[in-house]
PDB file of N, CA and C in Angstrom:
ATOM      1  N   MET A   1      81.162  97.918 107.893  1.00  0.00           N
ATOM      2  CA  MET A   1      82.214  98.860 107.560  1.00  0.00           C
ATOM      3  C   MET A   1      81.611 100.055 106.823  1.00  0.00           C
ATOM      4  N   SER A   2      81.940 101.243 107.301  1.00  0.00           N
ATOM      5  CA  SER A   2      81.444 102.460 106.669  1.00  0.00           C
ATOM      6  C   SER A   2      82.281 102.771 105.434  1.00  0.00           C
ATOM      7  N   THR A   3      81.607 103.100 104.362  1.00  0.00           N
ATOM      8  CA  THR A   3      82.314 103.506 103.145  1.00  0.00           C
ATOM      9  C   THR A   3      81.854 104.893 102.719  1.00  0.00           C
ATOM     10  N   LYS A   4      81.385 105.692 103.682  1.00  0.00           N
ATOM     11  CA  LYS A   4      80.967 107.055 103.371  1.00  0.00           C
ATOM     12  C   LYS A   4      82.210 107.920 103.163  1.00  0.00           C
ATOM     13  N   LEU A   5      82.358 108.379 101.970  1.00  0.00           N
ATOM     14  CA  LEU A   5      83.496 109.186 101.569  1.00  0.00           C
ATOM     15  C   LEU A   5      83.491 110.523 102.309  1.00  0.00           C
ATOM     16  N   ILE A   6      84.645 110.959 102.778  1.00  0.00           N
ATOM     17  CA  ILE A   6      84.786 112.277 103.402  1.00  0.00           C
ATOM     18  C   ILE A   6      85.292 113.235 102.323  1.00  0.00           C
ATOM     19  N   PRO A   7      84.463 114.191 101.916  1.00  0.00           N
ATOM     20  CA  PRO A   7      84.816 115.073 100.795  1.00  0.00           C
ATOM     21  C   PRO A   7      86.162 115.776 100.945  1.00  0.00           C
ATOM     22  N   GLU A   8      86.499 116.242 102.157  1.00  0.00           N
ATOM     23  CA  GLU A   8      87.763 116.945 102.360  1.00  0.00           C
ATOM     24  C   GLU A   8      88.952 116.022 102.082  1.00  0.00           C
ATOM     25  N   ARG A   9      88.785 114.755 102.434  1.00  0.00           N
ATOM     26  CA  ARG A   9      89.869 113.800 102.201  1.00  0.00           C
ATOM     27  C   ARG A   9      90.027 113.519 100.712  1.00  0.00           C
ATOM     28  N   LEU A  10      88.926 113.476 100.004  1.00  0.00           N
ATOM     29  CA  LEU A  10      88.983 113.286  98.552  1.00  0.00           C
ATOM     30  C   LEU A  10      89.753 114.440  97.918  1.00  0.00           C
ATOM     31  N   LYS A  11      89.423 115.652  98.325  1.00  0.00           N
ATOM     32  CA  LYS A  11      90.111 116.837  97.804  1.00  0.00           C
ATOM     33  C   LYS A  11      91.598 116.785  98.149  1.00  0.00           C
ATOM     34  N   ASN A  12      91.928 116.449  99.393  1.00  0.00           N
ATOM     35  CA  ASN A  12      93.337 116.367  99.805  1.00  0.00           C
ATOM     36  C   ASN A  12      94.097 115.334  98.992  1.00  0.00           C
ATOM     37  N   ALA A  13      93.491 114.169  98.779  1.00  0.00           N
ATOM     38  CA  ALA A  13      94.148 113.109  98.007  1.00  0.00           C
ATOM     39  C   ALA A  13      94.403 113.575  96.579  1.00  0.00           C
ATOM     40  N   ARG A  14      93.425 114.245  95.998  1.00  0.00           N
ATOM     41  CA  ARG A  14      93.588 114.760  94.631  1.00  0.00           C
ATOM     42  C   ARG A  14      94.704 115.795  94.582  1.00  0.00           C
ATOM     43  N   GLU A  15      94.698 116.718  95.529  1.00  0.00           N
ATOM     44  CA  GLU A  15      95.721 117.764  95.552  1.00  0.00           C
ATOM     45  C   GLU A  15      97.111 117.196  95.846  1.00  0.00           C
ATOM     46  N   ASN A  16      97.179 116.137  96.653  1.00  0.00           N
ATOM     47  CA  ASN A  16      98.476 115.527  96.985  1.00  0.00           C
ATOM     48  C   ASN A  16      99.184 114.963  95.762  1.00  0.00           C
ATOM     49  N   ILE A  17      98.420 114.550  94.754  1.00  0.00           N
ATOM     50  CA  ILE A  17      99.080 114.054  93.538  1.00  0.00           C
ATOM     51  C   ILE A  17      99.116 115.133  92.448  1.00  0.00           C
ATOM     52  N   GLY A  18      98.652 116.333  92.799  1.00  0.00           N
ATOM     53  CA  GLY A  18      98.802 117.485  91.922  1.00  0.00           C
ATOM     54  C   GLY A  18      97.962 117.483  90.667  1.00  0.00           C
ATOM     55  N   ILE A  19      96.712 117.006  90.789  1.00  0.00           N
ATOM     56  CA  ILE A  19      95.842 117.031  89.605  1.00  0.00           C
ATOM     57  C   ILE A  19      94.616 117.899  89.867  1.00  0.00           C
ATOM     58  N   THR A  20      94.027 118.376  88.793  1.00  0.00           N
ATOM     59  CA  THR A  20      92.820 119.194  88.876  1.00  0.00           C
ATOM     60  C   THR A  20      91.585 118.302  89.003  1.00  0.00           C
ATOM     61  N   LYS A  21      90.468 118.921  89.295  1.00  0.00           N
ATOM     62  CA  LYS A  21      89.199 118.190  89.322  1.00  0.00           C
ATOM     63  C   LYS A  21      88.905 117.602  87.946  1.00  0.00           C
ATOM     64  N   ALA A  22      89.214 118.368  86.913  1.00  0.00           N
ATOM     65  CA  ALA A  22      88.973 117.892  85.543  1.00  0.00           C
ATOM     66  C   ALA A  22      89.814 116.652  85.254  1.00  0.00           C
ATOM     67  N   GLU A  23      91.075 116.658  85.684  1.00  0.00           N
ATOM     68  CA  GLU A  23      91.940 115.499  85.451  1.00  0.00           C
ATOM     69  C   GLU A  23      91.466 114.302  86.271  1.00  0.00           C
ATOM     70  N   ALA A  24      91.050 114.539  87.517  1.00  0.00           N
ATOM     71  CA  ALA A  24      90.528 113.445  88.345  1.00  0.00           C
ATOM     72  C   ALA A  24      89.300 112.834  87.689  1.00  0.00           C
ATOM     73  N   SER A  25      88.408 113.671  87.199  1.00  0.00           N
ATOM     74  CA  SER A  25      87.199 113.150  86.551  1.00  0.00           C
ATOM     75  C   SER A  25      87.552 112.359  85.296  1.00  0.00           C
ATOM     76  N   ARG A  26      88.551 112.818  84.541  1.00  0.00           N
ATOM     77  CA  ARG A  26      88.973 112.101  83.337  1.00  0.00           C
ATOM     78  C   ARG A  26      89.545 110.733  83.700  1.00  0.00           C
ATOM     79  N   ARG A  27      90.415 110.696  84.726  1.00  0.00           N
ATOM     80  CA  ARG A  27      91.023 109.426  85.147  1.00  0.00           C
ATOM     81  C   ARG A  27      89.986 108.434  85.664  1.00  0.00           C
ATOM     82  N   LEU A  28      88.921 108.962  86.254  1.00  0.00           N
ATOM     83  CA  LEU A  28      87.880 108.104  86.804  1.00  0.00           C
ATOM     84  C   LEU A  28      86.768 107.822  85.795  1.00  0.00           C
ATOM     85  N   ASN A  29      86.888 108.409  84.609  1.00  0.00           N
ATOM     86  CA  ASN A  29      85.879 108.242  83.569  1.00  0.00           C
ATOM     87  C   ASN A  29      84.506 108.746  84.032  1.00  0.00           C
ATOM     88  N   LEU A  30      84.534 109.911  84.686  1.00  0.00           N
ATOM     89  CA  LEU A  30      83.318 110.575  85.164  1.00  0.00           C
ATOM     90  C   LEU A  30      83.222 111.948  84.513  1.00  0.00           C
ATOM     91  N   SER A  31      82.028 112.501  84.513  1.00  0.00           N
ATOM     92  CA  SER A  31      81.908 113.900  84.105  1.00  0.00           C
ATOM     93  C   SER A  31      82.520 114.752  85.215  1.00  0.00           C
ATOM     94  N   LYS A  32      82.947 115.953  84.863  1.00  0.00           N
ATOM     95  CA  LYS A  32      83.518 116.842  85.887  1.00  0.00           C
ATOM     96  C   LYS A  32      82.474 117.141  86.948  1.00  0.00           C
ATOM     97  N   ILE A  33      81.244 117.335  86.533  1.00  0.00           N
ATOM     98  CA  ILE A  33      80.158 117.607  87.487  1.00  0.00           C
ATOM     99  C   ILE A  33      79.953 116.411  88.414  1.00  0.00           C
ATOM    100  N   GLY A  34      79.991 115.207  87.857  1.00  0.00           N
ATOM    101  CA  GLY A  34      79.836 113.999  88.668  1.00  0.00           C
ATOM    102  C   GLY A  34      80.925 113.875  89.709  1.00  0.00           C
ATOM    103  N   TYR A  35      82.167 114.124  89.288  1.00  0.00           N
ATOM    104  CA  TYR A  35      83.277 114.072  90.242  1.00  0.00           C
ATOM    105  C   TYR A  35      83.116 115.149  91.310  1.00  0.00           C
ATOM    106  N   CYS A  36      82.802 116.358  90.895  1.00  0.00           N
ATOM    107  CA  CYS A  36      82.672 117.466  91.843  1.00  0.00           C
ATOM    108  C   CYS A  36      81.587 117.191  92.887  1.00  0.00           C
ATOM    109  N   ARG A  37      80.550 116.505  92.511  1.00  0.00           N
ATOM    110  CA  ARG A  37      79.505 116.164  93.483  1.00  0.00           C
ATOM    111  C   ARG A  37      80.068 115.290  94.602  1.00  0.00           C
ATOM    112  N   TYR A  38      81.004 114.406  94.277  1.00  0.00           N
ATOM    113  CA  TYR A  38      81.662 113.613  95.324  1.00  0.00           C
ATOM    114  C   TYR A  38      82.514 114.519  96.207  1.00  0.00           C
ATOM    115  N   GLU A  39      83.286 115.398  95.570  1.00  0.00           N
ATOM    116  CA  GLU A  39      84.207 116.250  96.320  1.00  0.00           C
ATOM    117  C   GLU A  39      83.469 117.294  97.166  1.00  0.00           C
ATOM    118  N   TYR A  40      82.287 117.694  96.734  1.00  0.00           N
ATOM    119  CA  TYR A  40      81.497 118.657  97.507  1.00  0.00           C
ATOM    120  C   TYR A  40      80.569 117.976  98.513  1.00  0.00           C
ATOM    121  N   GLY A  41      80.550 116.656  98.515  1.00  0.00           N
ATOM    122  CA  GLY A  41      79.705 115.922  99.456  1.00  0.00           C
ATOM    123  C   GLY A  41      78.247 115.879  99.060  1.00  0.00           C
ATOM    124  N   GLU A  42      77.943 116.189  97.814  1.00  0.00           N
ATOM    125  CA  GLU A  42      76.557 116.199  97.343  1.00  0.00           C
ATOM    126  C   GLU A  42      76.079 114.821  96.905  1.00  0.00           C
ATOM    127  N   ARG A  43      77.016 113.905  96.738  1.00  0.00           N
ATOM    128  CA  ARG A  43      76.689 112.567  96.266  1.00  0.00           C
ATOM    129  C   ARG A  43      77.642 111.574  96.929  1.00  0.00           C
ATOM    130  N   THR A  44      77.145 110.389  97.241  1.00  0.00           N
ATOM    131  CA  THR A  44      77.961 109.359  97.874  1.00  0.00           C
ATOM    132  C   THR A  44      78.232 108.237  96.883  1.00  0.00           C
ATOM    133  N   PRO A  45      79.512 107.964  96.610  1.00  0.00           N
ATOM    134  CA  PRO A  45      79.819 106.877  95.675  1.00  0.00           C
ATOM    135  C   PRO A  45      79.588 105.511  96.313  1.00  0.00           C
ATOM    136  N   SER A  46      79.395 104.513  95.486  1.00  0.00           N
ATOM    137  CA  SER A  46      79.256 103.139  95.971  1.00  0.00           C
ATOM    138  C   SER A  46      80.589 102.689  96.566  1.00  0.00           C
ATOM    139  N   PRO A  47      80.577 101.649  97.392  1.00  0.00           N
ATOM    140  CA  PRO A  47      81.846 101.123  97.925  1.00  0.00           C
ATOM    141  C   PRO A  47      82.833 100.739  96.819  1.00  0.00           C
ATOM    142  N   GLN A  48      82.329 100.198  95.722  1.00  0.00           N
ATOM    143  CA  GLN A  48      83.197  99.835  94.607  1.00  0.00           C
ATOM    144  C   GLN A  48      83.840 101.075  93.985  1.00  0.00           C
ATOM    145  N   THR A  49      83.063 102.146  93.881  1.00  0.00           N
ATOM    146  CA  THR A  49      83.591 103.383  93.312  1.00  0.00           C
ATOM    147  C   THR A  49      84.620 104.009  94.238  1.00  0.00           C
ATOM    148  N   VAL A  50      84.400 103.925  95.551  1.00  0.00           N
ATOM    149  CA  VAL A  50      85.387 104.445  96.507  1.00  0.00           C
ATOM    150  C   VAL A  50      86.722 103.715  96.321  1.00  0.00           C
ATOM    151  N   GLU A  51      86.659 102.418  96.095  1.00  0.00           N
ATOM    152  CA  GLU A  51      87.880 101.622  95.867  1.00  0.00           C
ATOM    153  C   GLU A  51      88.597 102.099  94.605  1.00  0.00           C
ATOM    154  N   ILE A  52      87.859 102.347  93.554  1.00  0.00           N
ATOM    155  CA  ILE A  52      88.445 102.821  92.294  1.00  0.00           C
ATOM    156  C   ILE A  52      89.044 104.212  92.481  1.00  0.00           C
ATOM    157  N   ILE A  53      88.342 105.065  93.204  1.00  0.00           N
ATOM    158  CA  ILE A  53      88.852 106.419  93.474  1.00  0.00           C
ATOM    159  C   ILE A  53      90.162 106.337  94.248  1.00  0.00           C
ATOM    160  N   ALA A  54      90.214 105.488  95.269  1.00  0.00           N
ATOM    161  CA  ALA A  54      91.428 105.337  96.074  1.00  0.00           C
ATOM    162  C   ALA A  54      92.597 104.893  95.200  1.00  0.00           C
ATOM    163  N   GLN A  55      92.363 103.922  94.339  1.00  0.00           N
ATOM    164  CA  GLN A  55      93.430 103.453  93.453  1.00  0.00           C
ATOM    165  C   GLN A  55      93.894 104.567  92.520  1.00  0.00           C
ATOM    166  N   CYS A  56      92.957 105.279  91.958  1.00  0.00           N
ATOM    167  CA  CYS A  56      93.266 106.340  91.003  1.00  0.00           C
ATOM    168  C   CYS A  56      94.038 107.495  91.646  1.00  0.00           C
ATOM    169  N   LEU A  57      93.712 107.802  92.901  1.00  0.00           N
ATOM    170  CA  LEU A  57      94.341 108.934  93.588  1.00  0.00           C
ATOM    171  C   LEU A  57      95.506 108.509  94.480  1.00  0.00           C
ATOM    172  N   HIS A  58      95.923 107.266  94.339  1.00  0.00           N
ATOM    173  CA  HIS A  58      97.087 106.750  95.077  1.00  0.00           C
ATOM    174  C   HIS A  58      96.953 106.933  96.587  1.00  0.00           C
ATOM    175  N   THR A  59      95.815 106.506  97.097  1.00  0.00           N
ATOM    176  CA  THR A  59      95.558 106.574  98.527  1.00  0.00           C
ATOM    177  C   THR A  59      94.824 105.305  98.931  1.00  0.00           C
ATOM    178  N   SER A  60      94.298 105.277 100.151  1.00  0.00           N
ATOM    179  CA  SER A  60      93.580 104.086 100.611  1.00  0.00           C
ATOM    180  C   SER A  60      92.112 104.406 100.849  1.00  0.00           C
ATOM    181  N   VAL A  61      91.297 103.385 100.774  1.00  0.00           N
ATOM    182  CA  VAL A  61      89.881 103.540 101.095  1.00  0.00           C
ATOM    183  C   VAL A  61      89.753 103.993 102.550  1.00  0.00           C
ATOM    184  N   ASP A  62      90.541 103.389 103.440  1.00  0.00           N
ATOM    185  CA  ASP A  62      90.472 103.753 104.862  1.00  0.00           C
ATOM    186  C   ASP A  62      90.719 105.242 105.079  1.00  0.00           C
ATOM    187  N   TYR A  63      91.643 105.831 104.321  1.00  0.00           N
ATOM    188  CA  TYR A  63      91.882 107.276 104.434  1.00  0.00           C
ATOM    189  C   TYR A  63      90.669 108.053 103.925  1.00  0.00           C
ATOM    190  N   LEU A  64      90.156 107.674 102.774  1.00  0.00           N
ATOM    191  CA  LEU A  64      89.037 108.420 102.183  1.00  0.00           C
ATOM    192  C   LEU A  64      87.772 108.374 103.030  1.00  0.00           C
ATOM    193  N   VAL A  65      87.578 107.299 103.803  1.00  0.00           N
ATOM    194  CA  VAL A  65      86.357 107.179 104.607  1.00  0.00           C
ATOM    195  C   VAL A  65      86.599 107.510 106.076  1.00  0.00           C
ATOM    196  N   GLY A  66      87.816 107.930 106.427  1.00  0.00           N
ATOM    197  CA  GLY A  66      88.092 108.381 107.780  1.00  0.00           C
ATOM    198  C   GLY A  66      88.482 107.318 108.785  1.00  0.00           C
ATOM    199  N   LYS A  67      88.767 106.102 108.331  1.00  0.00           N
ATOM    200  CA  LYS A  67      89.187 105.040 109.252  1.00  0.00           C
ATOM    201  C   LYS A  67      90.671 105.133 109.575  1.00  0.00           C
ATOM    202  N   SER A  68      91.425 105.900 108.802  1.00  0.00           N
ATOM    203  CA  SER A  68      92.858 106.065 109.009  1.00  0.00           C
ATOM    204  C   SER A  68      93.241 107.489 108.635  1.00  0.00           C
ATOM    205  N   ASP A  69      94.244 108.010 109.313  1.00  0.00           N
ATOM    206  CA  ASP A  69      94.760 109.330 108.956  1.00  0.00           C
ATOM    207  C   ASP A  69      95.950 109.238 108.019  1.00  0.00           C
ATOM    208  N   ASN A  70      96.337 108.006 107.676  1.00  0.00           N
ATOM    209  CA  ASN A  70      97.464 107.783 106.789  1.00  0.00           C
ATOM    210  C   ASN A  70      96.978 107.744 105.339  1.00  0.00           C
ATOM    211  N   PRO A  71      97.413 108.717 104.524  1.00  0.00           N
ATOM    212  CA  PRO A  71      96.945 108.744 103.128  1.00  0.00           C
ATOM    213  C   PRO A  71      97.675 107.781 102.194  1.00  0.00           C
ATOM    214  N   GLU A  72      98.692 107.064 102.706  1.00  0.00           N
ATOM    215  CA  GLU A  72      99.432 106.128 101.860  1.00  0.00           C
ATOM    216  C   GLU A  72      98.511 105.018 101.355  1.00  0.00           C
ATOM    217  N   PRO A  73      98.693 104.598 100.102  1.00  0.00           N
ATOM    218  CA  PRO A  73      97.850 103.512  99.582  1.00  0.00           C
ATOM    219  C   PRO A  73      98.116 102.205 100.313  1.00  0.00           C
ATOM    220  N   SER A  74      97.083 101.402 100.461  1.00  0.00           N
ATOM    221  CA  SER A  74      97.241 100.095 101.102  1.00  0.00           C
ATOM    222  C   SER A  74      97.440  98.995 100.066  1.00  0.00           C
ATOM    223  N   GLN A  75      97.273  99.337  98.804  1.00  0.00           N
ATOM    224  CA  GLN A  75      97.505  98.383  97.726  1.00  0.00           C
ATOM    225  C   GLN A  75      97.827  99.133  96.443  1.00  0.00           C
ATOM    226  N   LEU A  76      98.485  98.442  95.542  1.00  0.00           N
ATOM    227  CA  LEU A  76      98.809  99.000  94.240  1.00  0.00           C
ATOM    228  C   LEU A  76      98.242  98.084  93.166  1.00  0.00           C
ATOM    229  N   VAL A  77      97.772  98.668  92.095  1.00  0.00           N
ATOM    230  CA  VAL A  77      97.270  97.901  90.970  1.00  0.00           C
ATOM    231  C   VAL A  77      98.249  98.107  89.824  1.00  0.00           C
ATOM    232  N   ILE A  78      98.742  96.994  89.282  1.00  0.00           N
ATOM    233  CA  ILE A  78      99.705  97.060  88.186  1.00  0.00           C
ATOM    234  C   ILE A  78      99.033  96.503  86.934  1.00  0.00           C
ATOM    235  N   ASN A  79      98.921  97.339  85.947  1.00  0.00           N
ATOM    236  CA  ASN A  79      98.292  96.956  84.694  1.00  0.00           C
ATOM    237  C   ASN A  79      99.327  96.291  83.796  1.00  0.00           C
ATOM    238  N   LYS A  80      99.074  95.058  83.408  1.00  0.00           N
ATOM    239  CA  LYS A  80     100.013  94.282  82.602  1.00  0.00           C
ATOM    240  C   LYS A  80     100.286  94.946  81.259  1.00  0.00           C
ATOM    241  N   GLU A  81      99.273  95.554  80.670  1.00  0.00           N
ATOM    242  CA  GLU A  81      99.450  96.189  79.366  1.00  0.00           C
ATOM    243  C   GLU A  81     100.239  97.489  79.462  1.00  0.00           C
ATOM    244  N   LEU A  82     100.025  98.253  80.534  1.00  0.00           N
ATOM    245  CA  LEU A  82     100.706  99.536  80.680  1.00  0.00           C
ATOM    246  C   LEU A  82     102.103  99.405  81.265  1.00  0.00           C
ATOM    247  N   ASN A  83     102.316  98.399  82.103  1.00  0.00           N
ATOM    248  CA  ASN A  83     103.606  98.203  82.775  1.00  0.00           C
ATOM    249  C   ASN A  83     104.022  96.735  82.714  1.00  0.00           C
ATOM    250  N   PRO A  84     104.295  96.213  81.524  1.00  0.00           N
ATOM    251  CA  PRO A  84     104.568  94.781  81.405  1.00  0.00           C
ATOM    252  C   PRO A  84     105.792  94.309  82.196  1.00  0.00           C
ATOM    253  N   ASP A  85     106.852  95.112  82.248  1.00  0.00           N
ATOM    254  CA  ASP A  85     108.051  94.697  82.977  1.00  0.00           C
ATOM    255  C   ASP A  85     107.800  94.653  84.484  1.00  0.00           C
ATOM    256  N   LEU A  86     107.151  95.658  84.995  1.00  0.00           N
ATOM    257  CA  LEU A  86     106.838  95.679  86.424  1.00  0.00           C
ATOM    258  C   LEU A  86     105.890  94.538  86.783  1.00  0.00           C
ATOM    259  N   TYR A  87     104.925  94.308  85.940  1.00  0.00           N
ATOM    260  CA  TYR A  87     103.983  93.206  86.158  1.00  0.00           C
ATOM    261  C   TYR A  87     104.730  91.868  86.205  1.00  0.00           C
ATOM    262  N   ALA A  88     105.645  91.661  85.258  1.00  0.00           N
ATOM    263  CA  ALA A  88     106.422  90.414  85.226  1.00  0.00           C
ATOM    264  C   ALA A  88     107.279  90.271  86.473  1.00  0.00           C
ATOM    265  N   LEU A  89     107.854  91.366  86.934  1.00  0.00           N
ATOM    266  CA  LEU A  89     108.670  91.329  88.144  1.00  0.00           C
ATOM    267  C   LEU A  89     107.851  90.937  89.366  1.00  0.00           C
ATOM    268  N   VAL A  90     106.699  91.535  89.509  1.00  0.00           N
ATOM    269  CA  VAL A  90     105.832  91.211  90.643  1.00  0.00           C
ATOM    270  C   VAL A  90     105.365  89.768  90.554  1.00  0.00           C
ATOM    271  N   GLU A  91     105.019  89.349  89.375  1.00  0.00           N
ATOM    272  CA  GLU A  91     104.585  87.960  89.181  1.00  0.00           C
ATOM    273  C   GLU A  91     105.707  86.990  89.567  1.00  0.00           C
ATOM    274  N   LEU A  92     106.927  87.300  89.178  1.00  0.00           N
ATOM    275  CA  LEU A  92     108.078  86.477  89.525  1.00  0.00           C
ATOM    276  C   LEU A  92     108.308  86.451  91.042  1.00  0.00           C
ATOM    277  N   CYS A  93     108.176  87.601  91.671  1.00  0.00           N
ATOM    278  CA  CYS A  93     108.400  87.697  93.116  1.00  0.00           C
ATOM    279  C   CYS A  93     107.389  86.888  93.922  1.00  0.00           C
ATOM    280  N   GLN A  94     106.225  86.669  93.386  1.00  0.00           N
ATOM    281  CA  GLN A  94     105.214  85.909  94.109  1.00  0.00           C
ATOM    282  C   GLN A  94     105.659  84.478  94.377  1.00  0.00           C
ATOM    283  N   SER A  95     106.586  83.959  93.581  1.00  0.00           N
ATOM    284  CA  SER A  95     107.038  82.585  93.780  1.00  0.00           C
ATOM    285  C   SER A  95     108.374  82.515  94.526  1.00  0.00           C
ATOM    286  N   GLN A  96     108.866  83.641  95.004  1.00  0.00           N
ATOM    287  CA  GLN A  96     110.151  83.680  95.699  1.00  0.00           C
ATOM    288  C   GLN A  96     109.951  83.730  97.210  1.00  0.00           C
ATOM    289  N   ASP A  97     110.987  83.321  97.942  1.00  0.00           N
ATOM    290  CA  ASP A  97     110.895  83.425  99.402  1.00  0.00           C
ATOM    291  C   ASP A  97     111.249  84.845  99.825  1.00  0.00           C
ATOM    292  N   SER A  98     110.946  85.188 101.064  1.00  0.00           N
ATOM    293  CA  SER A  98     111.109  86.562 101.527  1.00  0.00           C
ATOM    294  C   SER A  98     112.558  87.025 101.519  1.00  0.00           C
ATOM    295  N   GLU A  99     113.508  86.143 101.730  1.00  0.00           N
ATOM    296  CA  GLU A  99     114.920  86.529 101.693  1.00  0.00           C
ATOM    297  C   GLU A  99     115.319  86.967 100.277  1.00  0.00           C
ATOM    298  N   GLN A 100     114.883  86.239  99.264  1.00  0.00           N
ATOM    299  CA  GLN A 100     115.192  86.619  97.888  1.00  0.00           C
ATOM    300  C   GLN A 100     114.557  87.965  97.542  1.00  0.00           C
ATOM    301  N   ILE A 101     113.366  88.183  98.023  1.00  0.00           N
ATOM    302  CA  ILE A 101     112.687  89.459  97.763  1.00  0.00           C
ATOM    303  C   ILE A 101     113.421  90.597  98.457  1.00  0.00           C
ATOM    304  N   ARG A 102     113.863  90.392  99.700  1.00  0.00           N
ATOM    305  CA  ARG A 102     114.628  91.429 100.414  1.00  0.00           C
ATOM    306  C   ARG A 102     115.920  91.758  99.661  1.00  0.00           C
ATOM    307  N   ARG A 103     116.601  90.741  99.126  1.00  0.00           N
ATOM    308  CA  ARG A 103     117.832  90.978  98.368  1.00  0.00           C
ATOM    309  C   ARG A 103     117.544  91.789  97.104  1.00  0.00           C
ATOM    310  N   LEU A 104     116.464  91.477  96.446  1.00  0.00           N
ATOM    311  CA  LEU A 104     116.075  92.212  95.242  1.00  0.00           C
ATOM    312  C   LEU A 104     115.771  93.677  95.579  1.00  0.00           C
ATOM    313  N   ILE A 105     115.047  93.891  96.644  1.00  0.00           N
ATOM    314  CA  ILE A 105     114.731  95.266  97.058  1.00  0.00           C
ATOM    315  C   ILE A 105     116.010  96.020  97.393  1.00  0.00           C
ATOM    316  N   SER A 106     116.908  95.378  98.097  1.00  0.00           N
ATOM    317  CA  SER A 106     118.186  95.991  98.443  1.00  0.00           C
ATOM    318  C   SER A 106     118.963  96.369  97.185  1.00  0.00           C
ATOM    319  N   TYR A 107     118.997  95.461  96.222  1.00  0.00           N
ATOM    320  CA  TYR A 107     119.674  95.720  94.955  1.00  0.00           C
ATOM    321  C   TYR A 107     119.053  96.933  94.247  1.00  0.00           C
ATOM    322  N   CYS A 108     117.745  96.974  94.199  1.00  0.00           N
ATOM    323  CA  CYS A 108     117.049  98.075  93.506  1.00  0.00           C
ATOM    324  C   CYS A 108     117.312  99.412  94.177  1.00  0.00           C
ATOM    325  N   LYS A 109     117.424  99.429  95.480  1.00  0.00           N
ATOM    326  CA  LYS A 109     117.684 100.684  96.201  1.00  0.00           C
ATOM    327  C   LYS A 109     119.088 101.203  95.959  1.00  0.00           C
ATOM    328  N   LYS A 110     120.018 100.331  95.605  1.00  0.00           N
ATOM    329  CA  LYS A 110     121.401 100.742  95.356  1.00  0.00           C
ATOM    330  C   LYS A 110     121.559 101.423  94.003  1.00  0.00           C
ATOM    331  N   GLU A 111     120.695 101.123  93.076  1.00  0.00           N
ATOM    332  CA  GLU A 111     120.808 101.660  91.715  1.00  0.00           C
ATOM    333  C   GLU A 111     120.496 103.117  91.664  1.00  0.00           C
TER     334      GLU A 111
END
C-alpha cells in the first residue's frame, strides 16, 4: 500500500476545515517549516504520521495518498478526556444491536 502523501490533497484538506498552515502545524505538534515541507512535497511523512495528519484534518489516509477522491474521514477518534459524554455514548453503543443504534440516530436527528 502506497502512503506517499499528495501535497495538493494535504493543502485541500487543510483549507476545507478553514485553518492556516500555522494552525495545522500547531495541531500536529510540528514546526511550521516542518509542516510546510509536507505541503510543498519537500518531505514525505511516515505512514503513521499520514494517519495522524488525516485524523487532525478530518479526512482519510486514502484521500491524502490518492487512493480515493472522497475527502470524508473513514474513521473518527474520540478523546475520552476532551469529549467524555460522546465517548460514553459510543462505548454504550458498542454493546447495542443495530436496531437500537438506528433508533438512537433517528432520535438524535429529530432534535
